[in-house]
Amino acid sequence: MLKDSQDAGTASAVLKRGLAVVALICLPLPSLARTDCPPARVVHVQAEADWVLYSQEGAPWRSLGRVSDPGVKERLATLLAAQMANKRVMVGYASDTYDCSKTDYGSLALLVRTYAD
């Protein structure tokens, strides 16, 4: 009798885990979409108060983010290194509707990618 109840408990636990996995698969996951602005050389970098702004060849001024935001100092260092080396960079933003052709003083950049050329 004890063995039957243990088997039933094990089967119940497996069923519960299976249902939890199915539920997680069916839940909508956050979008991983982002906008990558076209690669170009950095022309200007401006640190003003807590904000970091930059501009690239053929592009308007855009925001890198606040110095106090996580990762902004590292992205700023990458931009400055690329500017000094005259290398192209691509800056990406978390929104898939971000418009790289418009001036933006308030968005947080998600990433900075450097290019060897």
C-alpha atoms as a PDB file:
ATOM      1  CA  MET A   1       0.000   0.000   0.000  1.00  0.00           C
ATOM      2  CA  LEU A   2       2.849   2.384   0.879  1.00  0.00           C
ATOM      3  CA  LYS A   3       4.590   1.677  -2.437  1.00  0.00           C
ATOM      4  CA  ASP A   4       1.413   2.535  -4.393  1.00  0.00           C
ATOM      5  CA  SER A   5       1.085   5.876  -2.617  1.00  0.00           C
ATOM      6  CA  GLN A   6       4.770   6.657  -3.290  1.00  0.00           C
ATOM      7  CA  ASP A   7       4.312   5.843  -6.992  1.00  0.00           C
ATOM      8  CA  ALA A   8       1.233   8.039  -7.112  1.00  0.00           C
ATOM      9  CA  GLY A   9       3.145  10.899  -5.445  1.00  0.00           C
ATOM     10  CA  THR A  10       6.008  10.551  -7.924  1.00  0.00           C
ATOM     11  CA  ALA A  11       3.619  10.504 -10.864  1.00  0.00           C
ATOM     12  CA  SER A  12       1.850  13.566  -9.512  1.00  0.00           C
ATOM     13  CA  ALA A  13       5.147  15.443  -9.122  1.00  0.00           C
ATOM     14  CA  VAL A  14       6.184  14.551 -12.689  1.00  0.00           C
ATOM     15  CA  LEU A  15       2.800  15.703 -13.996  1.00  0.00           C
ATOM     16  CA  LYS A  16       3.074  19.005 -12.107  1.00  0.00           C
ATOM     17  CA  ARG A  17       6.583  19.619 -13.499  1.00  0.00           C
ATOM     18  CA  GLY A  18       5.366  18.799 -16.992  1.00  0.00           C
ATOM     19  CA  LEU A  19       2.466  21.238 -16.686  1.00  0.00           C
ATOM     20  CA  ALA A  20       4.817  23.937 -15.387  1.00  0.00           C
ATOM     21  CA  VAL A  21       7.124  23.473 -18.399  1.00  0.00           C
ATOM     22  CA  VAL A  22       4.182  23.643 -20.819  1.00  0.00           C
ATOM     23  CA  ALA A  23       2.895  26.792 -19.098  1.00  0.00           C
ATOM     24  CA  LEU A  24       6.310  28.461 -19.372  1.00  0.00           C
ATOM     25  CA  ILE A  25       6.552  27.598 -23.060  1.00  0.00           C
ATOM     26  CA  CYS A  26       3.114  29.025 -23.748  1.00  0.00           C
ATOM     27  CA  LEU A  27       3.703  32.299 -21.905  1.00  0.00           C
ATOM     28  CA  PRO A  28       4.731  35.184 -24.149  1.00  0.00           C
ATOM     29  CA  LEU A  29       8.413  35.942 -23.800  1.00  0.00           C
ATOM     30  CA  PRO A  30       9.776  39.474 -23.926  1.00  0.00           C
ATOM     31  CA  SER A  31      10.831  40.506 -27.384  1.00  0.00           C
ATOM     32  CA  LEU A  32      14.514  40.348 -28.152  1.00  0.00           C
ATOM     33  CA  ALA A  33      14.068  42.811 -30.998  1.00  0.00           C
ATOM     34  CA  ARG A  34      16.321  45.849 -31.127  1.00  0.00           C
ATOM     35  CA  THR A  35      17.411  48.540 -33.542  1.00  0.00           C
ATOM     36  CA  ASP A  36      21.008  48.668 -34.683  1.00  0.00           C
ATOM     37  CA  CYS A  37      21.917  52.069 -36.106  1.00  0.00           C
ATOM     38  CA  PRO A  38      24.178  52.001 -39.177  1.00  0.00           C
ATOM     39  CA  PRO A  39      27.907  51.684 -38.487  1.00  0.00           C
ATOM     40  CA  ALA A  40      29.802  54.974 -38.848  1.00  0.00           C
ATOM     41  CA  ARG A  41      32.744  56.815 -37.364  1.00  0.00           C
ATOM     42  CA  VAL A  42      32.205  58.816 -34.172  1.00  0.00           C
ATOM     43  CA  VAL A  43      32.498  62.565 -34.812  1.00  0.00           C
ATOM     44  CA  HIS A  44      31.567  64.062 -31.431  1.00  0.00           C
ATOM     45  CA  VAL A  45      31.171  62.846 -27.861  1.00  0.00           C
ATOM     46  CA  GLN A  46      29.645  65.149 -25.278  1.00  0.00           C
ATOM     47  CA  ALA A  47      29.343  64.478 -21.554  1.00  0.00           C
ATOM     48  CA  GLU A  48      26.967  67.000 -20.018  1.00  0.00           C
ATOM     49  CA  ALA A  49      25.766  66.776 -16.424  1.00  0.00           C
ATOM     50  CA  ASP A  50      24.795  63.100 -16.137  1.00  0.00           C
ATOM     51  CA  TRP A  51      24.091  62.521 -19.858  1.00  0.00           C
ATOM     52  CA  VAL A  52      26.410  61.267 -22.581  1.00  0.00           C
ATOM     53  CA  LEU A  53      25.591  62.295 -26.152  1.00  0.00           C
ATOM     54  CA  TYR A  54      27.392  61.419 -29.374  1.00  0.00           C
ATOM     55  CA  SER A  55      27.160  61.945 -33.106  1.00  0.00           C
ATOM     56  CA  GLN A  56      28.417  59.849 -35.979  1.00  0.00           C
ATOM     57  CA  GLU A  57      29.226  60.689 -39.585  1.00  0.00           C
ATOM     58  CA  GLY A  58      25.972  61.307 -41.447  1.00  0.00           C
ATOM     59  CA  ALA A  59      23.818  60.900 -38.340  1.00  0.00           C
ATOM     60  CA  PRO A  60      22.206  63.275 -35.841  1.00  0.00           C
ATOM     61  CA  TRP A  61      23.064  63.581 -32.152  1.00  0.00           C
ATOM     62  CA  ARG A  62      21.908  60.607 -30.095  1.00  0.00           C
ATOM     63  CA  SER A  63      21.996  59.658 -26.445  1.00  0.00           C
ATOM     64  CA  LEU A  64      24.241  56.947 -25.077  1.00  0.00           C
ATOM     65  CA  GLY A  65      22.482  57.251 -21.707  1.00  0.00           C
ATOM     66  CA  ARG A  66      23.104  58.587 -18.224  1.00  0.00           C
ATOM     67  CA  VAL A  67      26.528  58.038 -16.684  1.00  0.00           C
ATOM     68  CA  SER A  68      24.711  56.524 -13.704  1.00  0.00           C
ATOM     69  CA  ASP A  69      22.988  53.875 -15.890  1.00  0.00           C
ATOM     70  CA  PRO A  70      24.596  50.415 -15.881  1.00  0.00           C
ATOM     71  CA  GLY A  71      27.093  49.930 -18.705  1.00  0.00           C
ATOM     72  CA  VAL A  72      27.136  53.511 -19.972  1.00  0.00           C
ATOM     73  CA  LYS A  73      30.704  54.163 -18.802  1.00  0.00           C
ATOM     74  CA  GLU A  74      31.878  51.060 -20.642  1.00  0.00           C
ATOM     75  CA  ARG A  75      30.032  52.055 -23.828  1.00  0.00           C
ATOM     76  CA  LEU A  76      31.466  55.576 -23.520  1.00  0.00           C
ATOM     77  CA  ALA A  77      34.986  54.148 -23.259  1.00  0.00           C
ATOM     78  CA  THR A  78      34.322  52.065 -26.384  1.00  0.00           C
ATOM     79  CA  LEU A  79      33.066  55.125 -28.297  1.00  0.00           C
ATOM     80  CA  LEU A  80      36.080  57.206 -27.273  1.00  0.00           C
ATOM     81  CA  ALA A  81      38.548  54.452 -28.202  1.00  0.00           C
ATOM     82  CA  ALA A  82      36.896  54.026 -31.609  1.00  0.00           C
ATOM     83  CA  GLN A  83      36.894  57.796 -32.155  1.00  0.00           C
ATOM     84  CA  MET A  84      40.615  58.061 -31.365  1.00  0.00           C
ATOM     85  CA  ALA A  85      41.388  55.084 -33.632  1.00  0.00           C
ATOM     86  CA  ASN A  86      39.131  56.433 -36.411  1.00  0.00           C
ATOM     87  CA  LYS A  87      37.120  53.174 -36.453  1.00  0.00           C
ATOM     88  CA  ARG A  88      33.453  52.656 -37.180  1.00  0.00           C
ATOM     89  CA  VAL A  89      30.973  51.722 -34.464  1.00  0.00           C
ATOM     90  CA  MET A  90      27.404  50.496 -34.456  1.00  0.00           C
ATOM     91  CA  VAL A  91      25.169  51.559 -31.566  1.00  0.00           C
ATOM     92  CA  GLY A  92      22.099  49.488 -30.767  1.00  0.00           C
ATOM     93  CA  TYR A  93      18.935  50.439 -28.895  1.00  0.00           C
ATOM     94  CA  ALA A  94      16.491  48.103 -27.146  1.00  0.00           C
ATOM     95  CA  SER A  95      13.394  49.345 -28.977  1.00  0.00           C
ATOM     96  CA  ASP A  96      12.617  47.808 -32.345  1.00  0.00           C
ATOM     97  CA  THR A  97      10.952  51.111 -33.307  1.00  0.00           C
ATOM     98  CA  TYR A  98      13.957  53.350 -32.542  1.00  0.00           C
ATOM     99  CA  ASP A  99      14.551  55.866 -35.355  1.00  0.00           C
ATOM    100  CA  CYS A 100      18.282  56.281 -35.980  1.00  0.00           C
ATOM    101  CA  SER A 101      17.656  59.187 -38.356  1.00  0.00           C
ATOM    102  CA  LYS A 102      16.206  61.462 -35.650  1.00  0.00           C
ATOM    103  CA  THR A 103      17.960  63.466 -32.954  1.00  0.00           C
ATOM    104  CA  ASP A 104      17.477  61.773 -29.586  1.00  0.00           C
ATOM    105  CA  TYR A 105      18.608  63.136 -26.236  1.00  0.00           C
ATOM    106  CA  GLY A 106      16.902  60.668 -23.912  1.00  0.00           C
ATOM    107  CA  SER A 107      17.272  56.998 -24.867  1.00  0.00           C
ATOM    108  CA  LEU A 108      19.618  54.467 -23.323  1.00  0.00           C
ATOM    109  CA  ALA A 109      21.872  52.631 -25.787  1.00  0.00           C
ATOM    110  CA  LEU A 110      21.957  48.888 -25.351  1.00  0.00           C
ATOM    111  CA  LEU A 111      25.284  48.120 -26.983  1.00  0.00           C
ATOM    112  CA  VAL A 112      28.246  49.526 -28.905  1.00  0.00           C
ATOM    113  CA  ARG A 113      29.987  47.322 -31.475  1.00  0.00           C
ATOM    114  CA  THR A 114      33.349  48.265 -32.983  1.00  0.00           C
ATOM    115  CA  TYR A 115      34.589  47.406 -36.477  1.00  0.00           C
ATOM    116  CA  ALA A 116      38.174  46.767 -37.537  1.00  0.00           C
ATOM    117  CA  ASP A 117      38.049  48.973 -40.634  1.00  0.00           C
END
